[in-house]
């Protein structure tokens, strides 16, 4: 898992009897509930009370996109966040 300012990368495995939409919905619901429980003031800062956006992107492991390729992408993204190419505007 890698957490950025505006999104999260998660590499997970789950049985095929569960749809991607169901798994993502469950992850969003449980994480939002736990964050609100630990940080109740967050709710006041949210637009319309929603913690997560409706959308998501999912990629499955397959022929050319192996588990190692996806893990490498997540590690690369984490390093880019730590060492951005451009300085932030003040």
PDB file of N, CA and C in Angstrom:
ATOM      1  N   UNK A   1       0.848  -1.180   0.000  1.00  0.00           N
ATOM      2  CA  UNK A   1       0.000   0.000   0.000  1.00  0.00           C
ATOM      3  C   UNK A   1       0.890   1.239   0.000  1.00  0.00           C
ATOM      4  N   UNK A   2       0.441   2.256  -0.694  1.00  0.00           N
ATOM      5  CA  UNK A   2       1.122   3.549  -0.740  1.00  0.00           C
ATOM      6  C   UNK A   2       0.047   4.619  -0.680  1.00  0.00           C
ATOM      7  N   UNK A   3       0.202   5.578   0.218  1.00  0.00           N
ATOM      8  CA  UNK A   3      -0.795   6.626   0.406  1.00  0.00           C
ATOM      9  C   UNK A   3      -0.225   7.941  -0.095  1.00  0.00           C
ATOM     10  N   UNK A   4      -0.911   8.544  -1.049  1.00  0.00           N
ATOM     11  CA  UNK A   4      -0.536   9.862  -1.554  1.00  0.00           C
ATOM     12  C   UNK A   4      -1.518  10.883  -0.980  1.00  0.00           C
ATOM     13  N   UNK A   5      -1.292  12.140  -1.297  1.00  0.00           N
ATOM     14  CA  UNK A   5      -2.155  13.196  -0.763  1.00  0.00           C
ATOM     15  C   UNK A   5      -3.592  13.054  -1.253  1.00  0.00           C
ATOM     16  N   UNK A   6      -3.769  12.613  -2.487  1.00  0.00           N
ATOM     17  CA  UNK A   6      -5.119  12.582  -3.052  1.00  0.00           C
ATOM     18  C   UNK A   6      -5.574  11.210  -3.550  1.00  0.00           C
ATOM     19  N   UNK A   7      -4.814  10.163  -3.284  1.00  0.00           N
ATOM     20  CA  UNK A   7      -5.230   8.824  -3.669  1.00  0.00           C
ATOM     21  C   UNK A   7      -4.398   7.770  -2.942  1.00  0.00           C
ATOM     22  N   UNK A   8      -4.817   6.528  -3.083  1.00  0.00           N
ATOM     23  CA  UNK A   8      -4.157   5.414  -2.407  1.00  0.00           C
ATOM     24  C   UNK A   8      -3.914   4.305  -3.413  1.00  0.00           C
ATOM     25  N   UNK A   9      -2.730   3.694  -3.381  1.00  0.00           N
ATOM     26  CA  UNK A   9      -2.452   2.491  -4.170  1.00  0.00           C
ATOM     27  C   UNK A   9      -2.511   1.309  -3.216  1.00  0.00           C
ATOM     28  N   UNK A  10      -3.266   0.285  -3.583  1.00  0.00           N
ATOM     29  CA  UNK A  10      -3.352  -0.927  -2.768  1.00  0.00           C
ATOM     30  C   UNK A  10      -3.191  -2.125  -3.687  1.00  0.00           C
ATOM     31  N   UNK A  11      -2.303  -3.025  -3.306  1.00  0.00           N
ATOM     32  CA  UNK A  11      -2.115  -4.272  -4.053  1.00  0.00           C
ATOM     33  C   UNK A  11      -2.688  -5.386  -3.191  1.00  0.00           C
ATOM     34  N   UNK A  12      -3.819  -5.954  -3.634  1.00  0.00           N
ATOM     35  CA  UNK A  12      -4.486  -6.987  -2.835  1.00  0.00           C
ATOM     36  C   UNK A  12      -4.880  -8.175  -3.703  1.00  0.00           C
ATOM     37  N   UNK A  13      -5.124  -9.256  -3.032  1.00  0.00           N
ATOM     38  CA  UNK A  13      -5.618 -10.463  -3.675  1.00  0.00           C
ATOM     39  C   UNK A  13      -6.889 -10.884  -2.948  1.00  0.00           C
ATOM     40  N   UNK A  14      -7.895 -11.287  -3.710  1.00  0.00           N
ATOM     41  CA  UNK A  14      -9.132 -11.752  -3.105  1.00  0.00           C
ATOM     42  C   UNK A  14      -9.772 -12.800  -4.008  1.00  0.00           C
ATOM     43  N   UNK A  15     -10.634 -13.639  -3.450  1.00  0.00           N
ATOM     44  CA  UNK A  15     -11.243 -14.709  -4.235  1.00  0.00           C
ATOM     45  C   UNK A  15     -12.123 -14.161  -5.362  1.00  0.00           C
ATOM     46  N   UNK A  16     -12.191 -14.856  -6.482  1.00  0.00           N
ATOM     47  CA  UNK A  16     -12.973 -14.373  -7.620  1.00  0.00           C
ATOM     48  C   UNK A  16     -14.476 -14.313  -7.375  1.00  0.00           C
ATOM     49  N   UNK A  17     -14.952 -14.893  -6.281  1.00  0.00           N
ATOM     50  CA  UNK A  17     -16.386 -14.805  -5.994  1.00  0.00           C
ATOM     51  C   UNK A  17     -16.808 -13.389  -5.609  1.00  0.00           C
ATOM     52  N   UNK A  18     -15.829 -12.531  -5.265  1.00  0.00           N
ATOM     53  CA  UNK A  18     -16.109 -11.136  -4.933  1.00  0.00           C
ATOM     54  C   UNK A  18     -15.777 -10.253  -6.123  1.00  0.00           C
ATOM     55  N   UNK A  19     -16.667  -9.334  -6.453  1.00  0.00           N
ATOM     56  CA  UNK A  19     -16.393  -8.405  -7.552  1.00  0.00           C
ATOM     57  C   UNK A  19     -15.433  -7.321  -7.086  1.00  0.00           C
ATOM     58  N   UNK A  20     -14.736  -6.737  -8.042  1.00  0.00           N
ATOM     59  CA  UNK A  20     -13.828  -5.627  -7.723  1.00  0.00           C
ATOM     60  C   UNK A  20     -14.612  -4.485  -7.082  1.00  0.00           C
ATOM     61  N   UNK A  21     -15.785  -4.190  -7.634  1.00  0.00           N
ATOM     62  CA  UNK A  21     -16.608  -3.101  -7.096  1.00  0.00           C
ATOM     63  C   UNK A  21     -16.987  -3.357  -5.638  1.00  0.00           C
ATOM     64  N   UNK A  22     -17.316  -4.592  -5.309  1.00  0.00           N
ATOM     65  CA  UNK A  22     -17.688  -4.936  -3.932  1.00  0.00           C
ATOM     66  C   UNK A  22     -16.493  -4.777  -2.990  1.00  0.00           C
ATOM     67  N   UNK A  23     -15.330  -5.251  -3.414  1.00  0.00           N
ATOM     68  CA  UNK A  23     -14.127  -5.147  -2.581  1.00  0.00           C
ATOM     69  C   UNK A  23     -13.757  -3.677  -2.364  1.00  0.00           C
ATOM     70  N   UNK A  24     -13.760  -2.882  -3.429  1.00  0.00           N
ATOM     71  CA  UNK A  24     -13.430  -1.461  -3.308  1.00  0.00           C
ATOM     72  C   UNK A  24     -14.441  -0.761  -2.408  1.00  0.00           C
ATOM     73  N   UNK A  25     -15.716  -1.053  -2.596  1.00  0.00           N
ATOM     74  CA  UNK A  25     -16.755  -0.454  -1.751  1.00  0.00           C
ATOM     75  C   UNK A  25     -16.556  -0.786  -0.282  1.00  0.00           C
ATOM     76  N   UNK A  26     -16.201  -2.030  -0.005  1.00  0.00           N
ATOM     77  CA  UNK A  26     -15.959  -2.457   1.373  1.00  0.00           C
ATOM     78  C   UNK A  26     -14.735  -1.754   1.953  1.00  0.00           C
ATOM     79  N   UNK A  27     -13.647  -1.686   1.174  1.00  0.00           N
ATOM     80  CA  UNK A  27     -12.445  -0.993   1.649  1.00  0.00           C
ATOM     81  C   UNK A  27     -12.737   0.474   1.960  1.00  0.00           C
ATOM     82  N   UNK A  28     -13.477   1.122   1.087  1.00  0.00           N
ATOM     83  CA  UNK A  28     -13.804   2.536   1.297  1.00  0.00           C
ATOM     84  C   UNK A  28     -14.690   2.721   2.529  1.00  0.00           C
ATOM     85  N   UNK A  29     -15.699   1.865   2.678  1.00  0.00           N
ATOM     86  CA  UNK A  29     -16.632   2.001   3.801  1.00  0.00           C
ATOM     87  C   UNK A  29     -15.930   1.764   5.142  1.00  0.00           C
ATOM     88  N   UNK A  30     -15.163   0.696   5.226  1.00  0.00           N
ATOM     89  CA  UNK A  30     -14.483   0.370   6.488  1.00  0.00           C
ATOM     90  C   UNK A  30     -13.436   1.427   6.828  1.00  0.00           C
ATOM     91  N   UNK A  31     -12.640   1.843   5.841  1.00  0.00           N
ATOM     92  CA  UNK A  31     -11.598   2.835   6.133  1.00  0.00           C
ATOM     93  C   UNK A  31     -12.204   4.178   6.531  1.00  0.00           C
ATOM     94  N   UNK A  32     -13.280   4.601   5.859  1.00  0.00           N
ATOM     95  CA  UNK A  32     -13.927   5.872   6.210  1.00  0.00           C
ATOM     96  C   UNK A  32     -14.488   5.816   7.629  1.00  0.00           C
ATOM     97  N   UNK A  33     -15.112   4.690   7.973  1.00  0.00           N
ATOM     98  CA  UNK A  33     -15.670   4.537   9.316  1.00  0.00           C
ATOM     99  C   UNK A  33     -14.571   4.598  10.383  1.00  0.00           C
ATOM    100  N   UNK A  34     -13.461   3.918  10.139  1.00  0.00           N
ATOM    101  CA  UNK A  34     -12.370   3.906  11.117  1.00  0.00           C
ATOM    102  C   UNK A  34     -11.703   5.276  11.240  1.00  0.00           C
ATOM    103  N   UNK A  35     -11.543   5.962  10.135  1.00  0.00           N
ATOM    104  CA  UNK A  35     -10.924   7.299  10.183  1.00  0.00           C
ATOM    105  C   UNK A  35     -11.836   8.276  10.912  1.00  0.00           C
ATOM    106  N   UNK A  36     -13.144   8.219  10.628  1.00  0.00           N
ATOM    107  CA  UNK A  36     -14.084   9.111  11.330  1.00  0.00           C
ATOM    108  C   UNK A  36     -14.117   8.803  12.827  1.00  0.00           C
ATOM    109  N   UNK A  37     -13.985   7.524  13.178  1.00  0.00           N
ATOM    110  CA  UNK A  37     -13.995   7.145  14.598  1.00  0.00           C
ATOM    111  C   UNK A  37     -12.762   7.709  15.307  1.00  0.00           C
ATOM    112  N   UNK A  38     -11.614   7.612  14.653  1.00  0.00           N
ATOM    113  CA  UNK A  38     -10.374   8.079  15.270  1.00  0.00           C
ATOM    114  C   UNK A  38     -10.207   9.596  15.192  1.00  0.00           C
ATOM    115  N   UNK A  39     -10.729  10.202  14.122  1.00  0.00           N
ATOM    116  CA  UNK A  39     -10.590  11.646  13.907  1.00  0.00           C
ATOM    117  C   UNK A  39     -11.958  12.262  13.623  1.00  0.00           C
ATOM    118  N   UNK A  40     -12.819  12.444  14.624  1.00  0.00           N
ATOM    119  CA  UNK A  40     -14.184  12.931  14.397  1.00  0.00           C
ATOM    120  C   UNK A  40     -14.252  14.315  13.746  1.00  0.00           C
ATOM    121  N   UNK A  41     -13.233  15.107  13.922  1.00  0.00           N
ATOM    122  CA  UNK A  41     -13.246  16.462  13.341  1.00  0.00           C
ATOM    123  C   UNK A  41     -13.165  16.446  11.817  1.00  0.00           C
ATOM    124  N   UNK A  42     -12.758  15.330  11.250  1.00  0.00           N
ATOM    125  CA  UNK A  42     -12.643  15.218   9.788  1.00  0.00           C
ATOM    126  C   UNK A  42     -13.991  15.440   9.116  1.00  0.00           C
ATOM    127  N   UNK A  43     -15.059  14.955   9.721  1.00  0.00           N
ATOM    128  CA  UNK A  43     -16.388  15.062   9.107  1.00  0.00           C
ATOM    129  C   UNK A  43     -16.777  16.510   8.813  1.00  0.00           C
ATOM    130  N   UNK A  44     -16.385  17.427   9.682  1.00  0.00           N
ATOM    131  CA  UNK A  44     -16.707  18.841   9.489  1.00  0.00           C
ATOM    132  C   UNK A  44     -15.977  19.437   8.281  1.00  0.00           C
ATOM    133  N   UNK A  45     -14.858  18.848   7.895  1.00  0.00           N
ATOM    134  CA  UNK A  45     -14.051  19.372   6.798  1.00  0.00           C
ATOM    135  C   UNK A  45     -14.443  18.794   5.442  1.00  0.00           C
ATOM    136  N   UNK A  46     -15.331  17.810   5.426  1.00  0.00           N
ATOM    137  CA  UNK A  46     -15.675  17.128   4.181  1.00  0.00           C
ATOM    138  C   UNK A  46     -16.857  17.788   3.482  1.00  0.00           C
ATOM    139  N   UNK A  47     -16.783  17.838   2.171  1.00  0.00           N
ATOM    140  CA  UNK A  47     -17.859  18.367   1.351  1.00  0.00           C
ATOM    141  C   UNK A  47     -18.968  17.324   1.297  1.00  0.00           C
ATOM    142  N   UNK A  48     -20.119  17.629   1.833  1.00  0.00           N
ATOM    143  CA  UNK A  48     -21.239  16.701   1.799  1.00  0.00           C
ATOM    144  C   UNK A  48     -21.049  15.468   2.675  1.00  0.00           C
ATOM    145  N   UNK A  49     -20.032  15.455   3.515  1.00  0.00           N
ATOM    146  CA  UNK A  49     -19.820  14.346   4.420  1.00  0.00           C
ATOM    147  C   UNK A  49     -19.194  13.104   3.807  1.00  0.00           C
ATOM    148  N   UNK A  50     -18.878  13.133   2.522  1.00  0.00           N
ATOM    149  CA  UNK A  50     -18.288  11.966   1.861  1.00  0.00           C
ATOM    150  C   UNK A  50     -16.779  11.958   2.043  1.00  0.00           C
ATOM    151  N   UNK A  51     -16.241  10.822   2.471  1.00  0.00           N
ATOM    152  CA  UNK A  51     -14.800  10.730   2.666  1.00  0.00           C
ATOM    153  C   UNK A  51     -14.084  10.397   1.367  1.00  0.00           C
ATOM    154  N   UNK A  52     -14.590   9.428   0.611  1.00  0.00           N
ATOM    155  CA  UNK A  52     -13.971   8.992  -0.642  1.00  0.00           C
ATOM    156  C   UNK A  52     -14.779   9.459  -1.842  1.00  0.00           C
ATOM    157  N   UNK A  53     -14.106   9.683  -2.961  1.00  0.00           N
ATOM    158  CA  UNK A  53     -14.787   9.938  -4.230  1.00  0.00           C
ATOM    159  C   UNK A  53     -15.466   8.654  -4.693  1.00  0.00           C
ATOM    160  N   UNK A  54     -16.404   8.767  -5.638  1.00  0.00           N
ATOM    161  CA  UNK A  54     -17.119   7.595  -6.124  1.00  0.00           C
ATOM    162  C   UNK A  54     -16.242   6.671  -6.967  1.00  0.00           C
ATOM    163  N   UNK A  55     -15.304   7.225  -7.718  1.00  0.00           N
ATOM    164  CA  UNK A  55     -14.548   6.427  -8.680  1.00  0.00           C
ATOM    165  C   UNK A  55     -13.368   5.682  -8.095  1.00  0.00           C
ATOM    166  N   UNK A  56     -12.808   4.813  -8.926  1.00  0.00           N
ATOM    167  CA  UNK A  56     -11.590   4.083  -8.586  1.00  0.00           C
ATOM    168  C   UNK A  56     -10.999   3.527  -9.873  1.00  0.00           C
ATOM    169  N   UNK A  57      -9.752   3.139  -9.809  1.00  0.00           N
ATOM    170  CA  UNK A  57      -9.099   2.458 -10.924  1.00  0.00           C
ATOM    171  C   UNK A  57      -8.608   1.122 -10.406  1.00  0.00           C
ATOM    172  N   UNK A  58      -8.872   0.076 -11.161  1.00  0.00           N
ATOM    173  CA  UNK A  58      -8.408  -1.258 -10.775  1.00  0.00           C
ATOM    174  C   UNK A  58      -7.692  -1.885 -11.961  1.00  0.00           C
ATOM    175  N   UNK A  59      -6.625  -2.602 -11.670  1.00  0.00           N
ATOM    176  CA  UNK A  59      -5.866  -3.313 -12.714  1.00  0.00           C
ATOM    177  C   UNK A  59      -5.621  -4.714 -12.213  1.00  0.00           C
ATOM    178  N   UNK A  60      -5.931  -5.690 -13.033  1.00  0.00           N
ATOM    179  CA  UNK A  60      -5.693  -7.068 -12.638  1.00  0.00           C
ATOM    180  C   UNK A  60      -4.340  -7.541 -13.148  1.00  0.00           C
ATOM    181  N   UNK A  61      -3.794  -8.516 -12.471  1.00  0.00           N
ATOM    182  CA  UNK A  61      -2.540  -9.123 -12.888  1.00  0.00           C
ATOM    183  C   UNK A  61      -2.841 -10.055 -14.050  1.00  0.00           C
ATOM    184  N   UNK A  62      -2.004  -9.992 -15.078  1.00  0.00           N
ATOM    185  CA  UNK A  62      -2.227 -10.828 -16.251  1.00  0.00           C
ATOM    186  C   UNK A  62      -0.930 -11.206 -16.926  1.00  0.00           C
ATOM    187  N   UNK A  63      -0.997 -11.446 -18.241  1.00  0.00           N
ATOM    188  CA  UNK A  63       0.159 -11.911 -19.003  1.00  0.00           C
ATOM    189  C   UNK A  63       1.375 -10.999 -18.880  1.00  0.00           C
ATOM    190  N   UNK A  64       1.243  -9.761 -19.333  1.00  0.00           N
ATOM    191  CA  UNK A  64       2.405  -8.855 -19.346  1.00  0.00           C
ATOM    192  C   UNK A  64       2.472  -7.972 -18.115  1.00  0.00           C
ATOM    193  N   UNK A  65       1.352  -7.775 -17.466  1.00  0.00           N
ATOM    194  CA  UNK A  65       1.341  -6.973 -16.246  1.00  0.00           C
ATOM    195  C   UNK A  65       1.340  -7.953 -15.075  1.00  0.00           C
ATOM    196  N   UNK A  66       2.521  -8.266 -14.615  1.00  0.00           N
ATOM    197  CA  UNK A  66       2.687  -9.234 -13.535  1.00  0.00           C
ATOM    198  C   UNK A  66       2.546  -8.553 -12.177  1.00  0.00           C
ATOM    199  N   UNK A  67       2.469  -9.356 -11.142  1.00  0.00           N
ATOM    200  CA  UNK A  67       2.419  -8.818  -9.781  1.00  0.00           C
ATOM    201  C   UNK A  67       3.650  -7.958  -9.506  1.00  0.00           C
ATOM    202  N   UNK A  68       4.807  -8.392  -9.992  1.00  0.00           N
ATOM    203  CA  UNK A  68       6.037  -7.628  -9.763  1.00  0.00           C
ATOM    204  C   UNK A  68       5.991  -6.270 -10.468  1.00  0.00           C
ATOM    205  N   UNK A  69       5.411  -6.200 -11.661  1.00  0.00           N
ATOM    206  CA  UNK A  69       5.283  -4.926 -12.384  1.00  0.00           C
ATOM    207  C   UNK A  69       4.426  -3.954 -11.574  1.00  0.00           C
ATOM    208  N   UNK A  70       3.328  -4.431 -11.040  1.00  0.00           N
ATOM    209  CA  UNK A  70       2.436  -3.563 -10.266  1.00  0.00           C
ATOM    210  C   UNK A  70       3.120  -3.113  -8.974  1.00  0.00           C
ATOM    211  N   UNK A  71       3.787  -4.028  -8.281  1.00  0.00           N
ATOM    212  CA  UNK A  71       4.498  -3.653  -7.056  1.00  0.00           C
ATOM    213  C   UNK A  71       5.596  -2.634  -7.343  1.00  0.00           C
ATOM    214  N   UNK A  72       6.284  -2.798  -8.465  1.00  0.00           N
ATOM    215  CA  UNK A  72       7.337  -1.859  -8.854  1.00  0.00           C
ATOM    216  C   UNK A  72       6.749  -0.476  -9.130  1.00  0.00           C
ATOM    217  N   UNK A  73       5.599  -0.426  -9.787  1.00  0.00           N
ATOM    218  CA  UNK A  73       4.922   0.849 -10.054  1.00  0.00           C
ATOM    219  C   UNK A  73       4.587   1.552  -8.738  1.00  0.00           C
ATOM    220  N   UNK A  74       4.051   0.806  -7.787  1.00  0.00           N
ATOM    221  CA  UNK A  74       3.687   1.406  -6.502  1.00  0.00           C
ATOM    222  C   UNK A  74       4.922   1.933  -5.787  1.00  0.00           C
ATOM    223  N   UNK A  75       6.006   1.164  -5.785  1.00  0.00           N
ATOM    224  CA  UNK A  75       7.261   1.632  -5.157  1.00  0.00           C
ATOM    225  C   UNK A  75       7.792   2.874  -5.864  1.00  0.00           C
ATOM    226  N   UNK A  76       7.745   2.891  -7.196  1.00  0.00           N
ATOM    227  CA  UNK A  76       8.214   4.035  -7.977  1.00  0.00           C
ATOM    228  C   UNK A  76       7.397   5.275  -7.627  1.00  0.00           C
ATOM    229  N   UNK A  77       6.079   5.122  -7.548  1.00  0.00           N
ATOM    230  CA  UNK A  77       5.213   6.255  -7.241  1.00  0.00           C
ATOM    231  C   UNK A  77       5.514   6.787  -5.847  1.00  0.00           C
ATOM    232  N   UNK A  78       5.777   5.896  -4.920  1.00  0.00           N
ATOM    233  CA  UNK A  78       6.094   6.308  -3.554  1.00  0.00           C
ATOM    234  C   UNK A  78       7.367   7.155  -3.528  1.00  0.00           C
ATOM    235  N   UNK A  79       8.372   6.765  -4.281  1.00  0.00           N
ATOM    236  CA  UNK A  79       9.625   7.522  -4.355  1.00  0.00           C
ATOM    237  C   UNK A  79       9.415   8.886  -5.008  1.00  0.00           C
ATOM    238  N   UNK A  80       8.578   8.941  -6.035  1.00  0.00           N
ATOM    239  CA  UNK A  80       8.313  10.225  -6.698  1.00  0.00           C
ATOM    240  C   UNK A  80       7.606  11.182  -5.764  1.00  0.00           C
ATOM    241  N   UNK A  81       6.745  10.682  -4.901  1.00  0.00           N
ATOM    242  CA  UNK A  81       6.063  11.536  -3.938  1.00  0.00           C
ATOM    243  C   UNK A  81       7.065  12.067  -2.918  1.00  0.00           C
ATOM    244  N   UNK A  82       8.006  11.229  -2.487  1.00  0.00           N
ATOM    245  CA  UNK A  82       9.021  11.659  -1.529  1.00  0.00           C
ATOM    246  C   UNK A  82       9.965  12.698  -2.127  1.00  0.00           C
ATOM    247  N   UNK A  83      10.277  12.550  -3.415  1.00  0.00           N
ATOM    248  CA  UNK A  83      11.233  13.411  -4.100  1.00  0.00           C
ATOM    249  C   UNK A  83      10.605  13.994  -5.349  1.00  0.00           C
ATOM    250  N   UNK A  84       9.687  14.955  -5.216  1.00  0.00           N
ATOM    251  CA  UNK A  84       9.034  15.500  -6.403  1.00  0.00           C
ATOM    252  C   UNK A  84      10.016  16.230  -7.312  1.00  0.00           C
ATOM    253  N   UNK A  85       9.689  16.234  -8.600  1.00  0.00           N
ATOM    254  CA  UNK A  85      10.564  16.881  -9.575  1.00  0.00           C
ATOM    255  C   UNK A  85      10.431  18.397  -9.536  1.00  0.00           C
ATOM    256  N   UNK A  86       9.296  18.889  -9.082  1.00  0.00           N
ATOM    257  CA  UNK A  86       9.047  20.326  -9.091  1.00  0.00           C
ATOM    258  C   UNK A  86       8.812  20.802  -7.660  1.00  0.00           C
ATOM    259  N   UNK A  87       9.337  21.954  -7.327  1.00  0.00           N
ATOM    260  CA  UNK A  87       9.092  22.522  -6.017  1.00  0.00           C
ATOM    261  C   UNK A  87       7.655  23.007  -5.938  1.00  0.00           C
ATOM    262  N   UNK A  88       7.013  22.876  -4.778  1.00  0.00           N
ATOM    263  CA  UNK A  88       5.631  23.348  -4.643  1.00  0.00           C
ATOM    264  C   UNK A  88       5.570  24.873  -4.696  1.00  0.00           C
ATOM    265  N   UNK A  89       4.477  25.398  -5.242  1.00  0.00           N
ATOM    266  CA  UNK A  89       4.269  26.838  -5.269  1.00  0.00           C
ATOM    267  C   UNK A  89       3.899  27.315  -3.882  1.00  0.00           C
ATOM    268  N   UNK A  90       4.384  28.472  -3.519  1.00  0.00           N
ATOM    269  CA  UNK A  90       4.092  29.009  -2.173  1.00  0.00           C
ATOM    270  C   UNK A  90       2.819  29.771  -2.148  1.00  0.00           C
TER     271      UNK A  90
END
